[in-house]
Each structure stands twice: as structure tokens, then as C-alpha cells.
PDB file of N, CA and C in Angstrom:
ATOM      1  N   MET A   1     -18.134   7.939  43.049  1.00  0.00           N
ATOM      2  CA  MET A   1     -17.211   7.628  41.992  1.00  0.00           C
ATOM      3  C   MET A   1     -17.948   7.640  40.658  1.00  0.00           C
ATOM      4  N   SER A   2     -18.686   8.625  40.467  1.00  0.00           N
ATOM      5  CA  SER A   2     -19.424   8.768  39.224  1.00  0.00           C
ATOM      6  C   SER A   2     -18.589   9.587  38.253  1.00  0.00           C
ATOM      7  N   GLU A   3     -18.032   8.904  37.274  1.00  0.00           N
ATOM      8  CA  GLU A   3     -17.204   9.578  36.286  1.00  0.00           C
ATOM      9  C   GLU A   3     -17.861   9.494  34.923  1.00  0.00           C
ATOM     10  N   ASN A   4     -17.594  10.467  34.123  1.00  0.00           N
ATOM     11  CA  ASN A   4     -18.105  10.478  32.768  1.00  0.00           C
ATOM     12  C   ASN A   4     -17.074   9.807  31.873  1.00  0.00           C
ATOM     13  N   PHE A   5     -17.428   8.670  31.280  1.00  0.00           N
ATOM     14  CA  PHE A   5     -16.490   7.911  30.472  1.00  0.00           C
ATOM     15  C   PHE A   5     -16.605   8.213  28.976  1.00  0.00           C
ATOM     16  N   ILE A   6     -17.254   9.311  28.631  1.00  0.00           N
ATOM     17  CA  ILE A   6     -17.367   9.675  27.233  1.00  0.00           C
ATOM     18  C   ILE A   6     -16.023  10.225  26.771  1.00  0.00           C
ATOM     19  N   ARG A   7     -15.541   9.689  25.677  1.00  0.00           N
ATOM     20  CA  ARG A   7     -14.255  10.134  25.159  1.00  0.00           C
ATOM     21  C   ARG A   7     -14.420  11.471  24.457  1.00  0.00           C
ATOM     22  N   PRO A   8     -13.402  12.302  24.570  1.00  0.00           N
ATOM     23  CA  PRO A   8     -13.494  13.579  23.864  1.00  0.00           C
ATOM     24  C   PRO A   8     -13.470  13.352  22.350  1.00  0.00           C
ATOM     25  N   THR A   9     -14.249  14.107  21.633  1.00  0.00           N
ATOM     26  CA  THR A   9     -14.284  13.985  20.188  1.00  0.00           C
ATOM     27  C   THR A   9     -13.945  15.324  19.561  1.00  0.00           C
ATOM     28  N   SER A  10     -13.659  15.259  18.298  1.00  0.00           N
ATOM     29  CA  SER A  10     -13.385  16.484  17.554  1.00  0.00           C
ATOM     30  C   SER A  10     -14.299  16.512  16.339  1.00  0.00           C
ATOM     31  N   ASP A  11     -14.317  17.619  15.663  1.00  0.00           N
ATOM     32  CA  ASP A  11     -15.136  17.726  14.457  1.00  0.00           C
ATOM     33  C   ASP A  11     -14.669  16.725  13.406  1.00  0.00           C
ATOM     34  N   ALA A  12     -13.365  16.484  13.343  1.00  0.00           N
ATOM     35  CA  ALA A  12     -12.833  15.546  12.352  1.00  0.00           C
ATOM     36  C   ALA A  12     -13.315  14.126  12.617  1.00  0.00           C
ATOM     37  N   THR A  13     -13.305  13.693  13.889  1.00  0.00           N
ATOM     38  CA  THR A  13     -13.746  12.332  14.192  1.00  0.00           C
ATOM     39  C   THR A  13     -15.254  12.201  14.012  1.00  0.00           C
ATOM     40  N   ARG A  14     -16.006  13.232  14.367  1.00  0.00           N
ATOM     41  CA  ARG A  14     -17.455  13.195  14.140  1.00  0.00           C
ATOM     42  C   ARG A  14     -17.765  13.047  12.657  1.00  0.00           C
ATOM     43  N   LYS A  15     -17.022  13.778  11.816  1.00  0.00           N
ATOM     44  CA  LYS A  15     -17.254  13.721  10.376  1.00  0.00           C
ATOM     45  C   LYS A  15     -16.953  12.321   9.834  1.00  0.00           C
ATOM     46  N   ILE A  16     -15.861  11.702  10.319  1.00  0.00           N
ATOM     47  CA  ILE A  16     -15.518  10.348   9.878  1.00  0.00           C
ATOM     48  C   ILE A  16     -16.638   9.383  10.217  1.00  0.00           C
ATOM     49  N   VAL A  17     -17.172   9.462  11.433  1.00  0.00           N
ATOM     50  CA  VAL A  17     -18.241   8.561  11.861  1.00  0.00           C
ATOM     51  C   VAL A  17     -19.517   8.838  11.070  1.00  0.00           C
ATOM     52  N   GLN A  18     -19.861  10.100  10.884  1.00  0.00           N
ATOM     53  CA  GLN A  18     -21.080  10.425  10.133  1.00  0.00           C
ATOM     54  C   GLN A  18     -20.983   9.970   8.685  1.00  0.00           C
ATOM     55  N   ASP A  19     -19.809  10.153   8.061  1.00  0.00           N
ATOM     56  CA  ASP A  19     -19.645   9.740   6.672  1.00  0.00           C
ATOM     57  C   ASP A  19     -19.740   8.227   6.530  1.00  0.00           C
ATOM     58  N   SER A  20     -19.284   7.505   7.554  1.00  0.00           N
ATOM     59  CA  SER A  20     -19.302   6.044   7.483  1.00  0.00           C
ATOM     60  C   SER A  20     -20.664   5.460   7.810  1.00  0.00           C
ATOM     61  N   THR A  21     -21.452   6.166   8.633  1.00  0.00           N
ATOM     62  CA  THR A  21     -22.724   5.599   9.087  1.00  0.00           C
ATOM     63  C   THR A  21     -23.934   6.198   8.404  1.00  0.00           C
ATOM     64  N   HIS A  22     -23.747   6.991   7.377  1.00  0.00           N
ATOM     65  CA  HIS A  22     -24.898   7.590   6.702  1.00  0.00           C
ATOM     66  C   HIS A  22     -25.648   6.580   5.835  1.00  0.00           C
ATOM     67  N   GLN A  23     -25.010   5.460   5.589  1.00  0.00           N
ATOM     68  CA  GLN A  23     -25.641   4.439   4.755  1.00  0.00           C
ATOM     69  C   GLN A  23     -26.764   3.759   5.527  1.00  0.00           C
ATOM     70  N   ASP A  24     -27.715   3.181   4.784  1.00  0.00           N
ATOM     71  CA  ASP A  24     -28.815   2.456   5.433  1.00  0.00           C
ATOM     72  C   ASP A  24     -28.300   1.224   6.160  1.00  0.00           C
ATOM     73  N   GLU A  25     -27.326   0.541   5.565  1.00  0.00           N
ATOM     74  CA  GLU A  25     -26.743  -0.646   6.182  1.00  0.00           C
ATOM     75  C   GLU A  25     -25.300  -0.357   6.532  1.00  0.00           C
ATOM     76  N   PHE A  26     -24.997  -0.479   7.805  1.00  0.00           N
ATOM     77  CA  PHE A  26     -23.638  -0.239   8.290  1.00  0.00           C
ATOM     78  C   PHE A  26     -22.959  -1.596   8.404  1.00  0.00           C
ATOM     79  N   ILE A  27     -22.290  -2.037   7.325  1.00  0.00           N
ATOM     80  CA  ILE A  27     -21.715  -3.370   7.297  1.00  0.00           C
ATOM     81  C   ILE A  27     -20.254  -3.339   6.915  1.00  0.00           C
ATOM     82  N   GLY A  28     -19.608  -4.441   7.160  1.00  0.00           N
ATOM     83  CA  GLY A  28     -18.231  -4.780   6.819  1.00  0.00           C
ATOM     84  C   GLY A  28     -17.296  -3.693   6.384  1.00  0.00           C
ATOM     85  N   ASP A  29     -17.309  -3.366   5.098  1.00  0.00           N
ATOM     86  CA  ASP A  29     -16.316  -2.443   4.552  1.00  0.00           C
ATOM     87  C   ASP A  29     -16.424  -1.058   5.163  1.00  0.00           C
ATOM     88  N   ALA A  30     -17.652  -0.564   5.354  1.00  0.00           N
ATOM     89  CA  ALA A  30     -17.822   0.768   5.932  1.00  0.00           C
ATOM     90  C   ALA A  30     -17.257   0.813   7.351  1.00  0.00           C
ATOM     91  N   TYR A  31     -17.506  -0.225   8.106  1.00  0.00           N
ATOM     92  CA  TYR A  31     -17.015  -0.279   9.481  1.00  0.00           C
ATOM     93  C   TYR A  31     -15.493  -0.338   9.521  1.00  0.00           C
ATOM     94  N   GLU A  32     -14.904  -1.190   8.701  1.00  0.00           N
ATOM     95  CA  GLU A  32     -13.444  -1.305   8.665  1.00  0.00           C
ATOM     96  C   GLU A  32     -12.804  -0.010   8.188  1.00  0.00           C
ATOM     97  N   ARG A  33     -13.411   0.620   7.185  1.00  0.00           N
ATOM     98  CA  ARG A  33     -12.890   1.890   6.684  1.00  0.00           C
ATOM     99  C   ARG A  33     -12.956   2.955   7.783  1.00  0.00           C
ATOM    100  N   MET A  34     -14.078   2.994   8.529  1.00  0.00           N
ATOM    101  CA  MET A  34     -14.220   3.953   9.617  1.00  0.00           C
ATOM    102  C   MET A  34     -13.148   3.715  10.683  1.00  0.00           C
ATOM    103  N   LYS A  35     -12.924   2.447  11.049  1.00  0.00           N
ATOM    104  CA  LYS A  35     -11.900   2.147  12.062  1.00  0.00           C
ATOM    105  C   LYS A  35     -10.526   2.619  11.611  1.00  0.00           C
ATOM    106  N   SER A  36     -10.162   2.326  10.366  1.00  0.00           N
ATOM    107  CA  SER A  36      -8.827   2.715   9.905  1.00  0.00           C
ATOM    108  C   SER A  36      -8.696   4.228   9.810  1.00  0.00           C
ATOM    109  N   GLU A  37      -9.768   4.940   9.386  1.00  0.00           N
ATOM    110  CA  GLU A  37      -9.710   6.404   9.315  1.00  0.00           C
ATOM    111  C   GLU A  37      -9.619   7.022  10.711  1.00  0.00           C
ATOM    112  N   LEU A  38     -10.352   6.466  11.678  1.00  0.00           N
ATOM    113  CA  LEU A  38     -10.272   6.972  13.054  1.00  0.00           C
ATOM    114  C   LEU A  38      -8.882   6.735  13.643  1.00  0.00           C
ATOM    115  N   ARG A  39      -8.307   5.557  13.390  1.00  0.00           N
ATOM    116  CA  ARG A  39      -6.945   5.295  13.879  1.00  0.00           C
ATOM    117  C   ARG A  39      -5.959   6.283  13.270  1.00  0.00           C
ATOM    118  N   ALA A  40      -6.092   6.516  11.976  1.00  0.00           N
ATOM    119  CA  ALA A  40      -5.177   7.434  11.299  1.00  0.00           C
ATOM    120  C   ALA A  40      -5.333   8.853  11.835  1.00  0.00           C
ATOM    121  N   SER A  41      -6.576   9.283  12.099  1.00  0.00           N
ATOM    122  CA  SER A  41      -6.792  10.644  12.600  1.00  0.00           C
ATOM    123  C   SER A  41      -6.230  10.827  14.005  1.00  0.00           C
ATOM    124  N   MET A  42      -6.167   9.734  14.782  1.00  0.00           N
ATOM    125  CA  MET A  42      -5.616   9.815  16.139  1.00  0.00           C
ATOM    126  C   MET A  42      -4.140   9.447  16.185  1.00  0.00           C
ATOM    127  N   GLY A  43      -3.576   9.117  15.034  1.00  0.00           N
ATOM    128  CA  GLY A  43      -2.156   8.774  14.991  1.00  0.00           C
ATOM    129  C   GLY A  43      -1.854   7.408  15.569  1.00  0.00           C
ATOM    130  N   MET A  44      -2.830   6.514  15.517  1.00  0.00           N
ATOM    131  CA  MET A  44      -2.640   5.167  16.058  1.00  0.00           C
ATOM    132  C   MET A  44      -2.313   4.203  14.927  1.00  0.00           C
ATOM    133  N   LEU A  45      -1.512   3.191  15.249  1.00  0.00           N
ATOM    134  CA  LEU A  45      -1.215   2.140  14.284  1.00  0.00           C
ATOM    135  C   LEU A  45      -2.331   1.107  14.297  1.00  0.00           C
ATOM    136  N   SER A  46      -2.449   0.380  13.200  1.00  0.00           N
ATOM    137  CA  SER A  46      -3.391  -0.734  13.184  1.00  0.00           C
ATOM    138  C   SER A  46      -2.863  -1.804  14.138  1.00  0.00           C
ATOM    139  N   PRO A  47      -3.712  -2.689  14.646  1.00  0.00           N
ATOM    140  CA  PRO A  47      -3.228  -3.731  15.561  1.00  0.00           C
ATOM    141  C   PRO A  47      -2.096  -4.566  14.969  1.00  0.00           C
ATOM    142  N   GLN A  48      -2.186  -4.877  13.691  1.00  0.00           N
ATOM    143  CA  GLN A  48      -1.134  -5.679  13.058  1.00  0.00           C
ATOM    144  C   GLN A  48       0.174  -4.893  13.001  1.00  0.00           C
ATOM    145  N   ALA A  49       0.111  -3.613  12.609  1.00  0.00           N
ATOM    146  CA  ALA A  49       1.318  -2.796  12.535  1.00  0.00           C
ATOM    147  C   ALA A  49       1.912  -2.583  13.923  1.00  0.00           C
ATOM    148  N   ALA A  50       1.050  -2.412  14.934  1.00  0.00           N
ATOM    149  CA  ALA A  50       1.539  -2.230  16.302  1.00  0.00           C
ATOM    150  C   ALA A  50       2.234  -3.494  16.803  1.00  0.00           C
ATOM    151  N   ALA A  51       1.678  -4.659  16.495  1.00  0.00           N
ATOM    152  CA  ALA A  51       2.297  -5.922  16.917  1.00  0.00           C
ATOM    153  C   ALA A  51       3.637  -6.124  16.222  1.00  0.00           C
ATOM    154  N   GLU A  52       3.715  -5.786  14.937  1.00  0.00           N
ATOM    155  CA  GLU A  52       4.978  -5.922  14.216  1.00  0.00           C
ATOM    156  C   GLU A  52       6.025  -4.972  14.773  1.00  0.00           C
ATOM    157  N   ALA A  53       5.603  -3.745  15.107  1.00  0.00           N
ATOM    158  CA  ALA A  53       6.547  -2.777  15.660  1.00  0.00           C
ATOM    159  C   ALA A  53       7.048  -3.226  17.035  1.00  0.00           C
ATOM    160  N   ALA A  54       6.141  -3.799  17.836  1.00  0.00           N
ATOM    161  CA  ALA A  54       6.528  -4.247  19.176  1.00  0.00           C
ATOM    162  C   ALA A  54       7.480  -5.431  19.118  1.00  0.00           C
ATOM    163  N   SER A  55       7.290  -6.310  18.149  1.00  0.00           N
ATOM    164  CA  SER A  55       8.139  -7.494  18.071  1.00  0.00           C
ATOM    165  C   SER A  55       9.384  -7.266  17.231  1.00  0.00           C
ATOM    166  N   GLY A  56       9.445  -6.156  16.552  1.00  0.00           N
ATOM    167  CA  GLY A  56      10.592  -5.884  15.700  1.00  0.00           C
ATOM    168  C   GLY A  56      10.527  -6.633  14.388  1.00  0.00           C
ATOM    169  N   ALA A  57       9.368  -7.197  14.064  1.00  0.00           N
ATOM    170  CA  ALA A  57       9.230  -7.986  12.846  1.00  0.00           C
ATOM    171  C   ALA A  57       9.324  -7.125  11.603  1.00  0.00           C
ATOM    172  N   ALA A  58       9.001  -5.840  11.721  1.00  0.00           N
ATOM    173  CA  ALA A  58       9.034  -4.974  10.546  1.00  0.00           C
ATOM    174  C   ALA A  58      10.466  -4.762  10.069  1.00  0.00           C
ATOM    175  N   ALA A  59      11.431  -4.861  10.995  1.00  0.00           N
ATOM    176  CA  ALA A  59      12.825  -4.638  10.623  1.00  0.00           C
ATOM    177  C   ALA A  59      13.452  -5.863   9.974  1.00  0.00           C
ATOM    178  N   ILE A  60      12.848  -7.016  10.167  1.00  0.00           N
ATOM    179  CA  ILE A  60      13.397  -8.252   9.626  1.00  0.00           C
ATOM    180  C   ILE A  60      12.955  -8.407   8.182  1.00  0.00           C
ATOM    181  N   ALA A  61      13.880  -8.715   7.325  1.00  0.00           N
ATOM    182  CA  ALA A  61      13.551  -8.908   5.915  1.00  0.00           C
ATOM    183  C   ALA A  61      12.736 -10.185   5.752  1.00  0.00           C
ATOM    184  N   PRO A  62      11.807 -10.191   4.816  1.00  0.00           N
ATOM    185  CA  PRO A  62      11.012 -11.405   4.624  1.00  0.00           C
ATOM    186  C   PRO A  62      11.887 -12.565   4.156  1.00  0.00           C
ATOM    187  N   VAL A  63      11.525 -13.745   4.579  1.00  0.00           N
ATOM    188  CA  VAL A  63      12.280 -14.941   4.232  1.00  0.00           C
ATOM    189  C   VAL A  63      11.862 -15.409   2.843  1.00  0.00           C
ATOM    190  N   VAL A  64      12.835 -15.606   1.996  1.00  0.00           N
ATOM    191  CA  VAL A  64      12.565 -16.093   0.651  1.00  0.00           C
ATOM    192  C   VAL A  64      12.689 -17.610   0.663  1.00  0.00           C
ATOM    193  N   PRO A  65      11.627 -18.317   0.306  1.00  0.00           N
ATOM    194  CA  PRO A  65      11.709 -19.773   0.343  1.00  0.00           C
ATOM    195  C   PRO A  65      12.673 -20.300  -0.710  1.00  0.00           C
ATOM    196  N   LEU A  66      13.410 -21.325  -0.329  1.00  0.00           N
ATOM    197  CA  LEU A  66      14.335 -21.964  -1.255  1.00  0.00           C
ATOM    198  C   LEU A  66      13.567 -22.884  -2.191  1.00  0.00           C
ATOM    199  N   PRO A  67      14.080 -23.084  -3.374  1.00  0.00           N
ATOM    200  CA  PRO A  67      13.386 -24.000  -4.271  1.00  0.00           C
ATOM    201  C   PRO A  67      13.358 -25.415  -3.685  1.00  0.00           C
ATOM    202  N   VAL A  68      12.252 -26.062  -3.829  1.00  0.00           N
ATOM    203  CA  VAL A  68      12.078 -27.403  -3.277  1.00  0.00           C
ATOM    204  C   VAL A  68      12.690 -28.416  -4.227  1.00  0.00           C
ATOM    205  N   GLN A  69      13.537 -29.263  -3.654  1.00  0.00           N
ATOM    206  CA  GLN A  69      14.109 -30.336  -4.458  1.00  0.00           C
ATOM    207  C   GLN A  69      13.321 -31.598  -4.165  1.00  0.00           C
ATOM    208  N   ARG A  70      12.733 -32.131  -5.180  1.00  0.00           N
ATOM    209  CA  ARG A  70      11.936 -33.338  -4.996  1.00  0.00           C
ATOM    210  C   ARG A  70      12.853 -34.525  -4.749  1.00  0.00           C
ATOM    211  N   ALA A  71      12.411 -35.355  -3.854  1.00  0.00           N
ATOM    212  CA  ALA A  71      13.163 -36.578  -3.585  1.00  0.00           C
ATOM    213  C   ALA A  71      13.057 -37.483  -4.812  1.00  0.00           C
ATOM    214  N   ALA A  72      14.068 -38.271  -4.983  1.00  0.00           N
ATOM    215  CA  ALA A  72      14.046 -39.192  -6.115  1.00  0.00           C
ATOM    216  C   ALA A  72      12.875 -40.152  -5.953  1.00  0.00           C
ATOM    217  N   GLU A  73      12.209 -40.418  -7.035  1.00  0.00           N
ATOM    218  CA  GLU A  73      11.074 -41.336  -7.006  1.00  0.00           C
ATOM    219  C   GLU A  73      11.577 -42.748  -6.691  1.00  0.00           C
ATOM    220  N   PRO A  74      10.861 -43.457  -5.823  1.00  0.00           N
ATOM    221  CA  PRO A  74      11.276 -44.829  -5.530  1.00  0.00           C
ATOM    222  C   PRO A  74      11.204 -45.695  -6.789  1.00  0.00           C
ATOM    223  N   THR A  75      12.284 -46.388  -7.037  1.00  0.00           N
ATOM    224  CA  THR A  75      12.351 -47.245  -8.221  1.00  0.00           C
ATOM    225  C   THR A  75      12.454 -48.716  -7.852  1.00  0.00           C
ATOM    226  N   HIS A  76      12.636 -48.982  -6.548  1.00  0.00           N
ATOM    227  CA  HIS A  76      12.788 -50.357  -6.083  1.00  0.00           C
ATOM    228  C   HIS A  76      11.712 -50.653  -5.045  1.00  0.00           C
ATOM    229  N   MET A  77      11.258 -51.907  -5.036  1.00  0.00           N
ATOM    230  CA  MET A  77      10.242 -52.329  -4.084  1.00  0.00           C
ATOM    231  C   MET A  77      10.572 -53.734  -3.604  1.00  0.00           C
ATOM    232  N   ARG A  78      10.284 -53.976  -2.307  1.00  0.00           N
ATOM    233  CA  ARG A  78      10.543 -55.303  -1.740  1.00  0.00           C
ATOM    234  C   ARG A  78       9.442 -55.609  -0.728  1.00  0.00           C
ATOM    235  N   VAL A  79       9.040 -56.854  -0.680  1.00  0.00           N
ATOM    236  CA  VAL A  79       8.072 -57.315   0.315  1.00  0.00           C
ATOM    237  C   VAL A  79       8.817 -58.199   1.290  1.00  0.00           C
ATOM    238  N   ILE A  80       8.644 -57.904   2.594  1.00  0.00           N
ATOM    239  CA  ILE A  80       9.309 -58.728   3.615  1.00  0.00           C
ATOM    240  C   ILE A  80       8.267 -59.197   4.630  1.00  0.00           C
ATOM    241  N   TYR A  81       8.538 -60.345   5.226  1.00  0.00           N
ATOM    242  CA  TYR A  81       7.715 -60.929   6.281  1.00  0.00           C
ATOM    243  C   TYR A  81       8.625 -61.137   7.494  1.00  0.00           C
ATOM    244  N   PRO A  82       8.790 -60.132   8.345  1.00  0.00           N
ATOM    245  CA  PRO A  82       9.742 -60.266   9.446  1.00  0.00           C
ATOM    246  C   PRO A  82       9.299 -61.213  10.552  1.00  0.00           C
ATOM    247  N   SER A  83       7.979 -61.401  10.702  1.00  0.00           N
ATOM    248  CA  SER A  83       7.505 -62.263  11.776  1.00  0.00           C
ATOM    249  C   SER A  83       6.066 -62.671  11.500  1.00  0.00           C
ATOM    250  N   GLY A  84       5.834 -63.953  11.424  1.00  0.00           N
ATOM    251  CA  GLY A  84       4.473 -64.448  11.236  1.00  0.00           C
ATOM    252  C   GLY A  84       3.804 -63.884   9.993  1.00  0.00           C
ATOM    253  N   ASN A  85       2.623 -63.320  10.184  1.00  0.00           N
ATOM    254  CA  ASN A  85       1.871 -62.747   9.072  1.00  0.00           C
ATOM    255  C   ASN A  85       2.115 -61.256   8.885  1.00  0.00           C
ATOM    256  N   SER A  86       3.106 -60.714   9.554  1.00  0.00           N
ATOM    257  CA  SER A  86       3.428 -59.291   9.391  1.00  0.00           C
ATOM    258  C   SER A  86       4.074 -59.085   8.030  1.00  0.00           C
ATOM    259  N   ARG A  87       3.414 -58.315   7.208  1.00  0.00           N
ATOM    260  CA  ARG A  87       3.888 -58.100   5.835  1.00  0.00           C
ATOM    261  C   ARG A  87       4.193 -56.627   5.646  1.00  0.00           C
ATOM    262  N   PHE A  88       5.354 -56.329   5.097  1.00  0.00           N
ATOM    263  CA  PHE A  88       5.760 -54.953   4.821  1.00  0.00           C
ATOM    264  C   PHE A  88       6.156 -54.817   3.361  1.00  0.00           C
ATOM    265  N   GLU A  89       5.660 -53.767   2.731  1.00  0.00           N
ATOM    266  CA  GLU A  89       6.127 -53.392   1.397  1.00  0.00           C
ATOM    267  C   GLU A  89       7.012 -52.165   1.606  1.00  0.00           C
ATOM    268  N   ILE A  90       8.251 -52.278   1.220  1.00  0.00           N
ATOM    269  CA  ILE A  90       9.165 -51.153   1.387  1.00  0.00           C
ATOM    270  C   ILE A  90       9.595 -50.667   0.014  1.00  0.00           C
ATOM    271  N   TYR A  91       9.767 -49.358  -0.084  1.00  0.00           N
ATOM    272  CA  TYR A  91      10.110 -48.721  -1.340  1.00  0.00           C
ATOM    273  C   TYR A  91      11.355 -47.870  -1.139  1.00  0.00           C
ATOM    274  N   GLY A  92      12.189 -47.801  -2.153  1.00  0.00           N
ATOM    275  CA  GLY A  92      13.395 -47.010  -2.071  1.00  0.00           C
ATOM    276  C   GLY A  92      13.965 -46.720  -3.446  1.00  0.00           C
ATOM    277  N   THR A  93      15.087 -46.031  -3.433  1.00  0.00           N
ATOM    278  CA  THR A  93      15.720 -45.641  -4.697  1.00  0.00           C
ATOM    279  C   THR A  93      16.834 -46.588  -5.109  1.00  0.00           C
ATOM    280  N   SER A  94      17.194 -47.527  -4.217  1.00  0.00           N
ATOM    281  CA  SER A  94      18.243 -48.492  -4.554  1.00  0.00           C
ATOM    282  C   SER A  94      18.092 -49.726  -3.664  1.00  0.00           C
ATOM    283  N   ASP A  95      18.818 -50.779  -4.019  1.00  0.00           N
ATOM    284  CA  ASP A  95      18.805 -51.980  -3.181  1.00  0.00           C
ATOM    285  C   ASP A  95      19.414 -51.693  -1.814  1.00  0.00           C
ATOM    286  N   ALA A  96      20.416 -50.833  -1.776  1.00  0.00           N
ATOM    287  CA  ALA A  96      21.043 -50.484  -0.501  1.00  0.00           C
ATOM    288  C   ALA A  96      20.036 -49.780   0.410  1.00  0.00           C
ATOM    289  N   ASP A  97      19.215 -48.927  -0.160  1.00  0.00           N
ATOM    290  CA  ASP A  97      18.178 -48.235   0.611  1.00  0.00           C
ATOM    291  C   ASP A  97      17.179 -49.251   1.179  1.00  0.00           C
ATOM    292  N   LEU A  98      16.797 -50.217   0.367  1.00  0.00           N
ATOM    293  CA  LEU A  98      15.877 -51.252   0.834  1.00  0.00           C
ATOM    294  C   LEU A  98      16.508 -52.109   1.919  1.00  0.00           C
ATOM    295  N   ASP A  99      17.798 -52.397   1.788  1.00  0.00           N
ATOM    296  CA  ASP A  99      18.497 -53.187   2.811  1.00  0.00           C
ATOM    297  C   ASP A  99      18.463 -52.483   4.166  1.00  0.00           C
ATOM    298  N   VAL A 100      18.684 -51.178   4.172  1.00  0.00           N
ATOM    299  CA  VAL A 100      18.666 -50.407   5.428  1.00  0.00           C
ATOM    300  C   VAL A 100      17.281 -50.457   6.056  1.00  0.00           C
ATOM    301  N   GLN A 101      16.248 -50.243   5.244  1.00  0.00           N
ATOM    302  CA  GLN A 101      14.885 -50.286   5.769  1.00  0.00           C
ATOM    303  C   GLN A 101      14.532 -51.668   6.308  1.00  0.00           C
ATOM    304  N   GLU A 102      14.909 -52.702   5.581  1.00  0.00           N
ATOM    305  CA  GLU A 102      14.606 -54.062   6.017  1.00  0.00           C
ATOM    306  C   GLU A 102      15.311 -54.377   7.325  1.00  0.00           C
ATOM    307  N   GLU A 103      16.546 -53.948   7.451  1.00  0.00           N
ATOM    308  CA  GLU A 103      17.305 -54.195   8.685  1.00  0.00           C
ATOM    309  C   GLU A 103      16.628 -53.530   9.879  1.00  0.00           C
ATOM    310  N   ARG A 104      16.130 -52.319   9.705  1.00  0.00           N
ATOM    311  CA  ARG A 104      15.441 -51.619  10.795  1.00  0.00           C
ATOM    312  C   ARG A 104      14.171 -52.370  11.206  1.00  0.00           C
ATOM    313  N   ILE A 105      13.401 -52.772  10.223  1.00  0.00           N
ATOM    314  CA  ILE A 105      12.140 -53.462  10.525  1.00  0.00           C
ATOM    315  C   ILE A 105      12.401 -54.800  11.206  1.00  0.00           C
ATOM    316  N   ARG A 106      13.351 -55.570  10.696  1.00  0.00           N
ATOM    317  CA  ARG A 106      13.666 -56.856  11.324  1.00  0.00           C
ATOM    318  C   ARG A 106      14.229 -56.654  12.731  1.00  0.00           C
ATOM    319  N   GLY A 107      14.959 -55.574  12.955  1.00  0.00           N
ATOM    320  CA  GLY A 107      15.484 -55.263  14.283  1.00  0.00           C
ATOM    321  C   GLY A 107      14.374 -55.031  15.304  1.00  0.00           C
ATOM    322  N   ILE A 108      13.283 -54.444  14.863  1.00  0.00           N
ATOM    323  CA  ILE A 108      12.140 -54.209  15.768  1.00  0.00           C
ATOM    324  C   ILE A 108      11.531 -55.545  16.178  1.00  0.00           C
ATOM    325  N   TYR A 109      11.413 -56.473  15.252  1.00  0.00           N
ATOM    326  CA  TYR A 109      10.764 -57.743  15.547  1.00  0.00           C
ATOM    327  C   TYR A 109      11.671 -58.716  16.297  1.00  0.00           C
ATOM    328  N   GLN A 110      12.988 -58.491  16.320  1.00  0.00           N
ATOM    329  CA  GLN A 110      13.890 -59.403  17.014  1.00  0.00           C
ATOM    330  C   GLN A 110      14.024 -59.042  18.480  1.00  0.00           C
ATOM    331  N   GLN A 111      13.476 -57.939  18.917  1.00  0.00           N
ATOM    332  CA  GLN A 111      13.600 -57.518  20.310  1.00  0.00           C
ATOM    333  C   GLN A 111      12.787 -58.326  21.244  1.00  0.00           C
TER     334      GLN A 111
END
């Protein structure tokens, strides 16, 4: 089962590799450029483009984020002691908001 696993090459692919590796240092950009040129010469998509095509993500329009509405700044503050030395500072935008929070906290301690 001795097979030759050398991939067939063409003059075009040899030229791409020679042009990319003629430098003294074969680093980062040259390597990435060589990979993309070899993929293009063989008609292959980049891994990212292939993944998008497989998932259908390329057909989906990008999502535009909605403007963020900031919550109203807390203008009210209350300190409560629901049990023993347990101290809570609660903040809200109204007394009604503080009442709801206080009721929840006291409900936990009454159980």
C-alpha cells in the first residue's frame, strides 16, 4: 500500500509559492497572501466564506443594532433592615419602585 501522496502541481501554483517564499523570512503576511492566492487559483473559498456559504449566513442581511435607551437614573434611595443586622440600600426612580423592591426583600426574609 505504498502510494505517492504528492499533490499534483501546476506552473501557476509553483510560481505563487516561489514568489511568496523568495524572501529571507517567510512570515505572517507572505504566508497568508500565499494561502489566499493558492485558494483562488484552485477555485476554493476561504474557510470563513465556505462556512458562511454552508450555513446560509451570507444570504442573511446584517442586523442593525437599535439605539440603546438608557434607563432612567435612580433618583430615590432607601435603607431597609429586614432582619437583624441585614442592611439593604435600594435605589429606584420613584417611591413606588422602592416599595416593590422592599416588598420583595422583606418577602425573602419572612419565609
